[in-house]
Amino acid sequence: MTPSSKAIQLPPADLEDRCRKAEEDTVTTMSYLAVIQSEARYIISLGPKATQDKFRGLYTAILSHWFPVSRGYIVSRQVFVPGEYPEYFVIRPAGGFRNPIFVFKLKRPSEWTAAGQQMVMDELVDLMEGRFEFTQYNTIYGLGCIGLHWMVCRMQRSGGHQPSLVLDWQDDIASDASYSKFGAIAELVYTD
C-alpha cells in the first residue's frame, strides 16, 4: 500500500479536548520568546515565495523550545540524499539508542494547497515508517509544515503503521494559540 493510499484516522476526542483545555487553562497568554516571534515576522515579510531554508531556523527554535536538552532531547538534522533539504528529527537518547520520536517535514508557503498538504502527509508517513527500525518507542509523531501552517500526526508501530491526525492544519505556528496547542502536543510526546 502506498503512503498516499493509507487512511488517515481522525484524532481521538481526548486529544482535541487536551488542546482546547490547554488554551482555556492559560490564565496569562503564553507565547514564544521574542526572538522566535521576531523570526516569524521576518519570514512573513518574505511573502509566499520564501524558500524552505528561510523557515529552518524558526522551526529548529520551536522544536528546541519544546524538546530541550534539559529534558533529554536532541533536535538532529540529517541529509539522506545529497543536494536535498535536510530532515529534522527529535531524538530521545536512551539505552544506547538515538530514538527518533518526532519527525519534521517542511514545504515553502507557495505549496499551501490541498495537493501540498497531501504531499506533506505522504512524506511524513514515509519518514515515520522509516524511523521505526531506529527507535525503541512504539509511537513516532510527525510535524508537517507549509510555511507557517502546521499540523501534527502520529503513527504507532503496533497500529499497522496507519497515520492518525493529532491536530489538523493550523494557520501560524508562532501564534499564541499555536503555542498552547503545541504545548499540549509536547505533553503527549513526553508521556508516550
N, C-alpha and C. Protein backbone atom coordinates (compact mmCIF):
# COMPACT_ATOMS: atom_id res chain seq x y z
N MET A 1 0.85 -1.17 0.00
CA MET A 1 0.00 0.00 0.00
C MET A 1 0.89 1.23 0.00
N THR A 2 0.64 2.17 -0.85
CA THR A 2 1.44 3.39 -0.91
C THR A 2 1.00 4.34 0.19
N PRO A 3 1.92 5.21 0.67
CA PRO A 3 1.56 6.13 1.75
C PRO A 3 0.34 6.97 1.45
N SER A 4 0.17 7.41 0.20
CA SER A 4 -0.96 8.29 -0.10
C SER A 4 -2.29 7.55 -0.07
N SER A 5 -2.24 6.21 -0.14
CA SER A 5 -3.49 5.47 -0.13
C SER A 5 -3.87 5.03 1.28
N LYS A 6 -3.06 5.32 2.27
CA LYS A 6 -3.38 4.95 3.64
C LYS A 6 -4.45 5.86 4.19
N ALA A 7 -5.37 5.28 4.90
CA ALA A 7 -6.43 6.07 5.51
C ALA A 7 -5.87 6.81 6.71
N ILE A 8 -6.24 8.05 6.85
CA ILE A 8 -5.82 8.84 8.00
C ILE A 8 -6.96 8.82 8.99
N GLN A 9 -6.65 8.36 10.19
CA GLN A 9 -7.66 8.30 11.23
C GLN A 9 -7.85 9.68 11.83
N LEU A 10 -9.06 9.97 12.23
CA LEU A 10 -9.34 11.24 12.89
C LEU A 10 -8.77 11.22 14.29
N PRO A 11 -8.44 12.41 14.84
CA PRO A 11 -7.85 12.44 16.17
C PRO A 11 -8.86 11.97 17.21
N PRO A 12 -8.39 11.22 18.21
CA PRO A 12 -9.29 10.84 19.29
C PRO A 12 -9.81 12.09 19.98
N ALA A 13 -11.02 12.03 20.47
CA ALA A 13 -11.65 13.20 21.09
C ALA A 13 -10.83 13.74 22.24
N ASP A 14 -10.15 12.87 23.00
CA ASP A 14 -9.39 13.36 24.15
C ASP A 14 -8.22 14.24 23.73
N LEU A 15 -7.65 14.02 22.56
CA LEU A 15 -6.56 14.88 22.09
C LEU A 15 -7.07 16.27 21.78
N GLU A 16 -8.22 16.33 21.14
CA GLU A 16 -8.84 17.62 20.85
C GLU A 16 -9.18 18.35 22.15
N ASP A 17 -9.71 17.59 23.11
CA ASP A 17 -10.06 18.17 24.41
C ASP A 17 -8.82 18.70 25.13
N ARG A 18 -7.70 17.97 25.03
CA ARG A 18 -6.46 18.42 25.68
C ARG A 18 -5.99 19.74 25.08
N CYS A 19 -6.05 19.86 23.77
CA CYS A 19 -5.64 21.12 23.12
C CYS A 19 -6.55 22.26 23.56
N ARG A 20 -7.85 22.00 23.59
CA ARG A 20 -8.80 23.03 24.00
C ARG A 20 -8.56 23.41 25.47
N LYS A 21 -8.34 22.40 26.32
CA LYS A 21 -8.10 22.66 27.74
C LYS A 21 -6.81 23.45 27.94
N ALA A 22 -5.78 23.15 27.17
CA ALA A 22 -4.52 23.89 27.28
C ALA A 22 -4.74 25.37 26.99
N GLU A 23 -5.59 25.66 26.02
CA GLU A 23 -5.90 27.06 25.70
C GLU A 23 -6.70 27.71 26.83
N GLU A 24 -7.70 26.97 27.37
CA GLU A 24 -8.56 27.52 28.41
C GLU A 24 -7.82 27.71 29.72
N ASP A 25 -6.86 26.80 30.02
CA ASP A 25 -6.13 26.86 31.29
C ASP A 25 -5.09 27.97 31.33
N THR A 26 -4.78 28.55 30.21
CA THR A 26 -3.76 29.59 30.16
C THR A 26 -4.37 30.89 30.66
N VAL A 27 -4.11 31.21 31.94
CA VAL A 27 -4.66 32.41 32.53
C VAL A 27 -4.01 33.64 31.90
N THR A 28 -2.70 33.64 31.85
CA THR A 28 -2.00 34.70 31.13
C THR A 28 -1.57 34.11 29.80
N THR A 29 -1.59 34.91 28.79
CA THR A 29 -1.24 34.42 27.46
C THR A 29 0.23 34.04 27.44
N MET A 30 0.48 32.80 27.11
CA MET A 30 1.84 32.33 26.95
C MET A 30 2.19 32.48 25.48
N SER A 31 3.44 32.76 25.23
CA SER A 31 3.86 32.88 23.85
C SER A 31 5.33 32.52 23.74
N TYR A 32 5.77 32.40 22.51
CA TYR A 32 7.17 32.09 22.27
C TYR A 32 8.05 33.28 22.65
N LEU A 33 9.31 33.00 22.87
CA LEU A 33 10.28 34.05 23.16
C LEU A 33 10.31 35.08 22.04
N ALA A 34 10.74 36.28 22.38
CA ALA A 34 10.75 37.39 21.41
C ALA A 34 11.56 37.05 20.17
N VAL A 35 12.66 36.33 20.31
CA VAL A 35 13.49 36.01 19.15
C VAL A 35 12.74 35.10 18.17
N ILE A 36 11.92 34.20 18.67
CA ILE A 36 11.12 33.32 17.81
C ILE A 36 10.05 34.15 17.11
N GLN A 37 9.38 35.03 17.84
CA GLN A 37 8.35 35.88 17.23
C GLN A 37 8.96 36.82 16.19
N SER A 38 10.14 37.33 16.46
CA SER A 38 10.82 38.21 15.52
C SER A 38 11.17 37.46 14.23
N GLU A 39 11.63 36.24 14.37
CA GLU A 39 11.96 35.43 13.19
C GLU A 39 10.70 35.14 12.37
N ALA A 40 9.59 34.88 13.05
CA ALA A 40 8.32 34.64 12.33
C ALA A 40 7.90 35.89 11.56
N ARG A 41 8.03 37.07 12.16
CA ARG A 41 7.68 38.31 11.46
C ARG A 41 8.57 38.52 10.24
N TYR A 42 9.85 38.22 10.38
CA TYR A 42 10.78 38.33 9.25
C TYR A 42 10.34 37.41 8.11
N ILE A 43 9.99 36.19 8.44
CA ILE A 43 9.58 35.21 7.42
C ILE A 43 8.29 35.67 6.74
N ILE A 44 7.35 36.19 7.50
CA ILE A 44 6.10 36.70 6.92
C ILE A 44 6.41 37.81 5.92
N SER A 45 7.39 38.65 6.24
CA SER A 45 7.74 39.76 5.35
C SER A 45 8.30 39.28 4.01
N LEU A 46 8.77 38.04 3.94
CA LEU A 46 9.32 37.50 2.69
C LEU A 46 8.24 37.11 1.69
N GLY A 47 7.01 36.93 2.18
CA GLY A 47 5.89 36.60 1.30
C GLY A 47 5.85 35.13 0.91
N PRO A 48 4.91 34.77 0.05
CA PRO A 48 4.66 33.36 -0.29
C PRO A 48 5.77 32.70 -1.10
N LYS A 49 6.67 33.47 -1.66
CA LYS A 49 7.75 32.88 -2.47
C LYS A 49 8.97 32.50 -1.62
N ALA A 50 8.90 32.72 -0.31
CA ALA A 50 10.02 32.38 0.57
C ALA A 50 10.38 30.91 0.42
N THR A 51 11.66 30.62 0.43
CA THR A 51 12.11 29.23 0.27
C THR A 51 12.17 28.53 1.62
N GLN A 52 12.21 27.21 1.57
CA GLN A 52 12.20 26.40 2.78
C GLN A 52 13.33 26.76 3.74
N ASP A 53 14.51 27.05 3.21
CA ASP A 53 15.65 27.32 4.07
C ASP A 53 15.42 28.52 4.98
N LYS A 54 14.56 29.45 4.59
CA LYS A 54 14.28 30.62 5.42
C LYS A 54 13.49 30.25 6.68
N PHE A 55 12.83 29.10 6.67
CA PHE A 55 11.99 28.67 7.79
C PHE A 55 12.72 27.76 8.77
N ARG A 56 13.84 27.23 8.38
CA ARG A 56 14.51 26.20 9.20
C ARG A 56 14.93 26.71 10.57
N GLY A 57 15.43 27.94 10.65
CA GLY A 57 15.83 28.49 11.95
C GLY A 57 14.65 28.61 12.89
N LEU A 58 13.52 29.09 12.37
CA LEU A 58 12.31 29.23 13.18
C LEU A 58 11.85 27.87 13.71
N TYR A 59 11.75 26.90 12.83
CA TYR A 59 11.26 25.59 13.27
C TYR A 59 12.25 24.88 14.18
N THR A 60 13.55 25.05 13.95
CA THR A 60 14.54 24.47 14.86
C THR A 60 14.39 25.09 16.24
N ALA A 61 14.18 26.41 16.31
CA ALA A 61 14.00 27.09 17.60
C ALA A 61 12.73 26.60 18.30
N ILE A 62 11.65 26.43 17.56
CA ILE A 62 10.39 25.95 18.16
C ILE A 62 10.55 24.52 18.67
N LEU A 63 11.13 23.64 17.86
CA LEU A 63 11.35 22.26 18.31
C LEU A 63 12.27 22.23 19.53
N SER A 64 13.32 23.04 19.53
CA SER A 64 14.24 23.08 20.67
C SER A 64 13.57 23.66 21.91
N HIS A 65 12.61 24.56 21.72
CA HIS A 65 11.86 25.12 22.85
C HIS A 65 11.07 24.01 23.56
N TRP A 66 10.38 23.20 22.79
CA TRP A 66 9.52 22.17 23.37
C TRP A 66 10.27 20.88 23.72
N PHE A 67 11.39 20.63 23.05
CA PHE A 67 12.15 19.40 23.28
C PHE A 67 13.60 19.75 23.59
N PRO A 68 13.83 20.38 24.76
CA PRO A 68 15.17 20.86 25.10
C PRO A 68 16.09 19.75 25.60
N VAL A 69 17.36 20.02 25.53
CA VAL A 69 18.37 19.09 26.04
C VAL A 69 18.13 18.84 27.53
N SER A 70 17.68 19.85 28.27
CA SER A 70 17.44 19.71 29.71
C SER A 70 16.38 18.65 30.03
N ARG A 71 15.55 18.32 29.05
CA ARG A 71 14.54 17.26 29.24
C ARG A 71 14.98 15.95 28.59
N GLY A 72 16.20 15.93 28.05
CA GLY A 72 16.73 14.70 27.48
C GLY A 72 16.50 14.53 25.99
N TYR A 73 16.27 15.62 25.27
CA TYR A 73 16.01 15.56 23.83
C TYR A 73 17.13 16.23 23.04
N ILE A 74 17.26 15.84 21.80
CA ILE A 74 18.19 16.46 20.87
C ILE A 74 17.44 16.69 19.56
N VAL A 75 17.54 17.89 19.01
CA VAL A 75 17.00 18.15 17.67
C VAL A 75 18.14 17.89 16.71
N SER A 76 17.96 16.90 15.84
CA SER A 76 19.02 16.43 14.96
C SER A 76 18.66 16.67 13.50
N ARG A 77 19.64 17.06 12.73
CA ARG A 77 19.45 17.33 11.30
C ARG A 77 20.16 16.23 10.52
N GLN A 78 19.48 15.68 9.51
CA GLN A 78 20.08 14.63 8.68
C GLN A 78 19.75 14.88 7.23
N VAL A 79 20.73 14.64 6.37
CA VAL A 79 20.53 14.73 4.93
C VAL A 79 20.64 13.31 4.38
N PHE A 80 19.55 12.82 3.79
CA PHE A 80 19.53 11.45 3.27
C PHE A 80 20.00 11.37 1.82
N VAL A 81 19.70 12.40 1.05
CA VAL A 81 20.07 12.42 -0.36
C VAL A 81 20.90 13.68 -0.60
N PRO A 82 22.15 13.53 -1.10
CA PRO A 82 22.97 14.72 -1.35
C PRO A 82 22.22 15.74 -2.22
N GLY A 83 22.31 17.00 -1.81
CA GLY A 83 21.65 18.07 -2.56
C GLY A 83 20.21 18.32 -2.13
N GLU A 84 19.64 17.44 -1.33
CA GLU A 84 18.26 17.60 -0.85
C GLU A 84 18.27 18.44 0.43
N TYR A 85 17.10 18.98 0.78
CA TYR A 85 16.97 19.68 2.04
C TYR A 85 17.11 18.68 3.18
N PRO A 86 17.69 19.10 4.30
CA PRO A 86 17.83 18.18 5.43
C PRO A 86 16.48 17.91 6.09
N GLU A 87 16.39 16.77 6.73
CA GLU A 87 15.22 16.41 7.53
C GLU A 87 15.62 16.62 8.99
N TYR A 88 14.65 16.98 9.81
CA TYR A 88 14.91 17.19 11.22
C TYR A 88 14.14 16.16 12.04
N PHE A 89 14.78 15.70 13.10
CA PHE A 89 14.19 14.72 13.99
C PHE A 89 14.40 15.17 15.42
N VAL A 90 13.46 14.85 16.28
CA VAL A 90 13.67 15.00 17.71
C VAL A 90 14.06 13.61 18.19
N ILE A 91 15.22 13.55 18.81
CA ILE A 91 15.79 12.29 19.26
C ILE A 91 15.71 12.24 20.78
N ARG A 92 15.37 11.07 21.33
CA ARG A 92 15.41 10.85 22.77
C ARG A 92 16.43 9.74 23.03
N PRO A 93 17.68 10.12 23.34
CA PRO A 93 18.69 9.09 23.60
C PRO A 93 18.34 8.29 24.85
N ALA A 94 18.43 6.96 24.74
CA ALA A 94 18.17 6.07 25.88
C ALA A 94 18.66 4.67 25.53
N GLY A 95 19.18 4.00 26.51
CA GLY A 95 19.58 2.61 26.33
C GLY A 95 20.58 2.39 25.20
N GLY A 96 21.43 3.37 24.96
CA GLY A 96 22.42 3.24 23.89
C GLY A 96 21.87 3.50 22.50
N PHE A 97 20.61 3.91 22.40
CA PHE A 97 19.98 4.18 21.11
C PHE A 97 19.68 5.67 20.97
N ARG A 98 19.69 6.15 19.74
CA ARG A 98 19.23 7.50 19.43
C ARG A 98 17.80 7.33 18.90
N ASN A 99 16.84 7.34 19.77
CA ASN A 99 15.46 7.03 19.44
C ASN A 99 14.74 8.21 18.80
N PRO A 100 14.46 8.15 17.49
CA PRO A 100 13.66 9.22 16.89
C PRO A 100 12.21 9.10 17.36
N ILE A 101 11.66 10.21 17.85
CA ILE A 101 10.29 10.19 18.34
C ILE A 101 9.42 11.24 17.66
N PHE A 102 10.04 12.14 16.89
CA PHE A 102 9.30 13.23 16.27
C PHE A 102 10.03 13.59 14.99
N VAL A 103 9.34 13.54 13.86
CA VAL A 103 9.94 13.89 12.57
C VAL A 103 9.29 15.17 12.06
N PHE A 104 9.96 15.84 11.15
CA PHE A 104 9.55 17.16 10.71
C PHE A 104 9.68 17.26 9.20
N LYS A 105 8.63 17.72 8.54
CA LYS A 105 8.64 17.93 7.09
C LYS A 105 8.16 19.33 6.80
N LEU A 106 8.93 20.07 5.98
CA LEU A 106 8.65 21.47 5.69
C LEU A 106 8.57 21.70 4.19
N LYS A 107 7.58 22.48 3.78
CA LYS A 107 7.45 22.92 2.38
C LYS A 107 7.32 24.45 2.37
N ARG A 108 7.66 25.05 1.25
CA ARG A 108 7.58 26.51 1.11
C ARG A 108 6.12 26.97 1.11
N PRO A 109 5.84 28.23 1.48
CA PRO A 109 4.47 28.73 1.59
C PRO A 109 3.67 28.64 0.30
N SER A 110 4.32 28.73 -0.84
CA SER A 110 3.59 28.67 -2.11
C SER A 110 2.96 27.30 -2.35
N GLU A 111 3.31 26.31 -1.53
CA GLU A 111 2.72 24.97 -1.67
C GLU A 111 1.52 24.79 -0.75
N TRP A 112 0.98 25.88 -0.21
CA TRP A 112 -0.20 25.81 0.65
C TRP A 112 -1.43 25.56 -0.22
N THR A 113 -1.59 24.33 -0.63
CA THR A 113 -2.71 23.86 -1.45
C THR A 113 -3.12 22.50 -0.92
N ALA A 114 -4.25 22.00 -1.36
CA ALA A 114 -4.67 20.65 -0.97
C ALA A 114 -3.63 19.62 -1.40
N ALA A 115 -3.09 19.79 -2.60
CA ALA A 115 -2.06 18.86 -3.09
C ALA A 115 -0.79 18.97 -2.24
N GLY A 116 -0.43 20.18 -1.83
CA GLY A 116 0.74 20.36 -0.97
C GLY A 116 0.55 19.73 0.39
N GLN A 117 -0.66 19.85 0.94
CA GLN A 117 -0.96 19.22 2.22
C GLN A 117 -0.85 17.71 2.12
N GLN A 118 -1.36 17.14 1.04
CA GLN A 118 -1.27 15.69 0.85
C GLN A 118 0.19 15.26 0.68
N MET A 119 0.97 16.05 -0.04
CA MET A 119 2.39 15.74 -0.24
C MET A 119 3.12 15.71 1.11
N VAL A 120 2.84 16.68 1.97
CA VAL A 120 3.46 16.70 3.29
C VAL A 120 3.08 15.45 4.07
N MET A 121 1.81 15.09 4.05
CA MET A 121 1.37 13.89 4.78
C MET A 121 2.05 12.64 4.23
N ASP A 122 2.10 12.50 2.92
CA ASP A 122 2.75 11.34 2.31
C ASP A 122 4.22 11.25 2.72
N GLU A 123 4.91 12.38 2.70
CA GLU A 123 6.32 12.38 3.07
C GLU A 123 6.52 12.13 4.56
N LEU A 124 5.61 12.63 5.40
CA LEU A 124 5.68 12.33 6.83
C LEU A 124 5.50 10.85 7.08
N VAL A 125 4.55 10.24 6.39
CA VAL A 125 4.32 8.80 6.54
C VAL A 125 5.59 8.03 6.19
N ASP A 126 6.22 8.38 5.09
CA ASP A 126 7.48 7.72 4.71
C ASP A 126 8.55 7.90 5.78
N LEU A 127 8.69 9.13 6.29
CA LEU A 127 9.69 9.40 7.32
C LEU A 127 9.41 8.61 8.60
N MET A 128 8.15 8.59 9.03
CA MET A 128 7.80 7.88 10.26
C MET A 128 8.03 6.38 10.10
N GLU A 129 7.55 5.81 9.00
CA GLU A 129 7.75 4.38 8.77
C GLU A 129 9.23 4.03 8.76
N GLY A 130 10.05 4.88 8.16
CA GLY A 130 11.47 4.62 8.07
C GLY A 130 12.23 4.76 9.38
N ARG A 131 11.61 5.37 10.39
CA ARG A 131 12.29 5.57 11.67
C ARG A 131 12.01 4.47 12.68
N PHE A 132 11.01 3.64 12.47
CA PHE A 132 10.68 2.63 13.47
C PHE A 132 11.82 1.65 13.72
N GLU A 133 12.61 1.36 12.71
CA GLU A 133 13.72 0.43 12.92
C GLU A 133 14.81 1.04 13.80
N PHE A 134 14.76 2.35 14.03
CA PHE A 134 15.79 3.02 14.81
C PHE A 134 15.32 3.47 16.19
N THR A 135 14.11 3.12 16.57
CA THR A 135 13.60 3.58 17.87
C THR A 135 13.09 2.42 18.70
N GLN A 136 13.20 2.58 20.00
CA GLN A 136 12.65 1.61 20.94
C GLN A 136 11.20 1.94 21.29
N TYR A 137 10.73 3.08 20.87
CA TYR A 137 9.40 3.54 21.24
C TYR A 137 8.35 3.06 20.25
N ASN A 138 7.12 2.98 20.71
CA ASN A 138 6.02 2.48 19.89
C ASN A 138 5.39 3.57 19.02
N THR A 139 5.57 4.84 19.39
CA THR A 139 4.91 5.94 18.69
C THR A 139 5.93 6.94 18.15
N ILE A 140 5.72 7.36 16.91
CA ILE A 140 6.50 8.44 16.32
C ILE A 140 5.51 9.50 15.86
N TYR A 141 5.81 10.74 16.21
CA TYR A 141 4.98 11.88 15.83
C TYR A 141 5.58 12.57 14.61
N GLY A 142 4.74 13.22 13.83
CA GLY A 142 5.20 13.96 12.66
C GLY A 142 4.64 15.37 12.67
N LEU A 143 5.52 16.34 12.44
CA LEU A 143 5.13 17.75 12.31
C LEU A 143 5.22 18.11 10.84
N GLY A 144 4.08 18.41 10.25
CA GLY A 144 4.04 18.81 8.85
C GLY A 144 3.84 20.30 8.75
N CYS A 145 4.65 20.97 7.92
CA CYS A 145 4.60 22.43 7.83
C CYS A 145 4.65 22.88 6.38
N ILE A 146 3.81 23.85 6.08
CA ILE A 146 3.86 24.55 4.79
C ILE A 146 3.91 26.02 5.16
N GLY A 147 5.10 26.61 5.02
CA GLY A 147 5.28 27.96 5.52
C GLY A 147 5.05 27.96 7.02
N LEU A 148 4.18 28.83 7.51
CA LEU A 148 3.86 28.87 8.93
C LEU A 148 2.67 27.99 9.29
N HIS A 149 1.99 27.42 8.30
CA HIS A 149 0.89 26.49 8.56
C HIS A 149 1.48 25.18 9.08
N TRP A 150 0.79 24.55 10.02
CA TRP A 150 1.35 23.33 10.60
C TRP A 150 0.25 22.37 11.04
N MET A 151 0.63 21.10 11.13
CA MET A 151 -0.25 20.04 11.62
C MET A 151 0.62 18.98 12.28
N VAL A 152 -0.02 18.10 13.05
CA VAL A 152 0.71 17.02 13.71
C VAL A 152 -0.07 15.72 13.53
N CYS A 153 0.67 14.67 13.21
CA CYS A 153 0.09 13.34 13.13
C CYS A 153 0.99 12.39 13.92
N ARG A 154 0.55 11.17 14.08
CA ARG A 154 1.38 10.18 14.75
C ARG A 154 1.14 8.82 14.13
N MET A 155 2.09 7.94 14.36
CA MET A 155 2.00 6.58 13.84
C MET A 155 2.51 5.65 14.94
N GLN A 156 1.80 4.54 15.12
CA GLN A 156 2.21 3.58 16.12
C GLN A 156 2.68 2.31 15.44
N ARG A 157 3.78 1.78 15.97
CA ARG A 157 4.34 0.54 15.44
C ARG A 157 3.29 -0.57 15.51
N SER A 158 2.58 -0.65 16.62
CA SER A 158 1.60 -1.71 16.81
C SER A 158 0.29 -1.44 16.08
N GLY A 159 0.14 -0.27 15.48
CA GLY A 159 -1.10 0.08 14.80
C GLY A 159 -1.06 -0.15 13.31
N GLY A 160 -0.16 -1.00 12.85
CA GLY A 160 -0.09 -1.29 11.42
C GLY A 160 0.42 -0.13 10.60
N HIS A 161 1.14 0.79 11.24
CA HIS A 161 1.73 1.95 10.56
C HIS A 161 0.69 2.81 9.87
N GLN A 162 -0.49 2.92 10.47
CA GLN A 162 -1.53 3.82 9.95
C GLN A 162 -1.38 5.18 10.62
N PRO A 163 -1.24 6.24 9.85
CA PRO A 163 -1.11 7.56 10.47
C PRO A 163 -2.45 8.01 11.06
N SER A 164 -2.37 8.68 12.19
CA SER A 164 -3.58 9.29 12.76
C SER A 164 -3.30 10.77 12.98
N LEU A 165 -4.29 11.56 12.71
CA LEU A 165 -4.19 13.01 12.84
C LEU A 165 -4.32 13.38 14.31
N VAL A 166 -3.34 14.08 14.84
CA VAL A 166 -3.39 14.56 16.22
C VAL A 166 -3.99 15.96 16.24
N LEU A 167 -3.52 16.81 15.33
CA LEU A 167 -4.03 18.18 15.23
C LEU A 167 -4.04 18.57 13.76
N ASP A 168 -5.20 18.95 13.25
CA ASP A 168 -5.34 19.33 11.85
C ASP A 168 -4.61 20.66 11.60
N TRP A 169 -4.53 21.06 10.36
CA TRP A 169 -3.77 22.24 9.95
C TRP A 169 -4.18 23.48 10.74
N GLN A 170 -3.17 24.19 11.22
CA GLN A 170 -3.30 25.45 11.94
C GLN A 170 -2.63 26.54 11.11
N ASP A 171 -2.99 27.80 11.35
CA ASP A 171 -2.52 28.88 10.49
C ASP A 171 -1.13 29.42 10.78
N ASP A 172 -0.74 29.57 12.03
CA ASP A 172 0.51 30.27 12.33
C ASP A 172 1.19 29.62 13.53
N ILE A 173 2.23 28.86 13.29
CA ILE A 173 2.89 28.12 14.37
C ILE A 173 3.47 29.03 15.44
N ALA A 174 3.75 30.29 15.12
CA ALA A 174 4.35 31.20 16.09
C ALA A 174 3.32 31.99 16.89
N SER A 175 2.02 31.74 16.67
CA SER A 175 0.97 32.50 17.37
C SER A 175 0.80 32.00 18.80
N ASP A 176 0.13 32.81 19.62
CA ASP A 176 -0.15 32.43 21.00
C ASP A 176 -1.04 31.19 21.05
N ALA A 177 -2.04 31.10 20.18
CA ALA A 177 -2.92 29.93 20.15
C ALA A 177 -2.13 28.67 19.80
N SER A 178 -1.23 28.78 18.84
CA SER A 178 -0.41 27.63 18.46
C SER A 178 0.55 27.24 19.57
N TYR A 179 1.02 28.23 20.33
CA TYR A 179 1.89 27.94 21.47
C TYR A 179 1.18 26.99 22.43
N SER A 180 -0.06 27.30 22.76
CA SER A 180 -0.84 26.46 23.67
C SER A 180 -1.08 25.08 23.09
N LYS A 181 -1.42 25.02 21.81
CA LYS A 181 -1.70 23.73 21.17
C LYS A 181 -0.44 22.88 21.07
N PHE A 182 0.68 23.50 20.73
CA PHE A 182 1.92 22.73 20.63
C PHE A 182 2.34 22.24 22.02
N GLY A 183 2.07 23.05 23.04
CA GLY A 183 2.36 22.63 24.41
C GLY A 183 1.61 21.36 24.78
N ALA A 184 0.34 21.28 24.40
CA ALA A 184 -0.45 20.07 24.68
C ALA A 184 0.11 18.87 23.91
N ILE A 185 0.56 19.09 22.70
CA ILE A 185 1.14 18.01 21.90
C ILE A 185 2.47 17.57 22.50
N ALA A 186 3.29 18.53 22.94
CA ALA A 186 4.56 18.18 23.57
C ALA A 186 4.32 17.31 24.80
N GLU A 187 3.28 17.63 25.58
CA GLU A 187 2.95 16.82 26.75
C GLU A 187 2.62 15.38 26.35
N LEU A 188 1.92 15.22 25.23
CA LEU A 188 1.64 13.86 24.74
C LEU A 188 2.93 13.13 24.42
N VAL A 189 3.85 13.81 23.77
CA VAL A 189 5.13 13.19 23.40
C VAL A 189 5.92 12.83 24.66
N TYR A 190 5.94 13.72 25.65
CA TYR A 190 6.68 13.46 26.88
C TYR A 190 6.19 12.19 27.57
N THR A 191 4.90 11.95 27.52
CA THR A 191 4.32 10.83 28.28
C THR A 191 4.09 9.58 27.44
N ASP A 192 4.30 9.65 26.15
CA ASP A 192 4.05 8.49 25.28
C ASP A 192 5.17 7.49 25.38
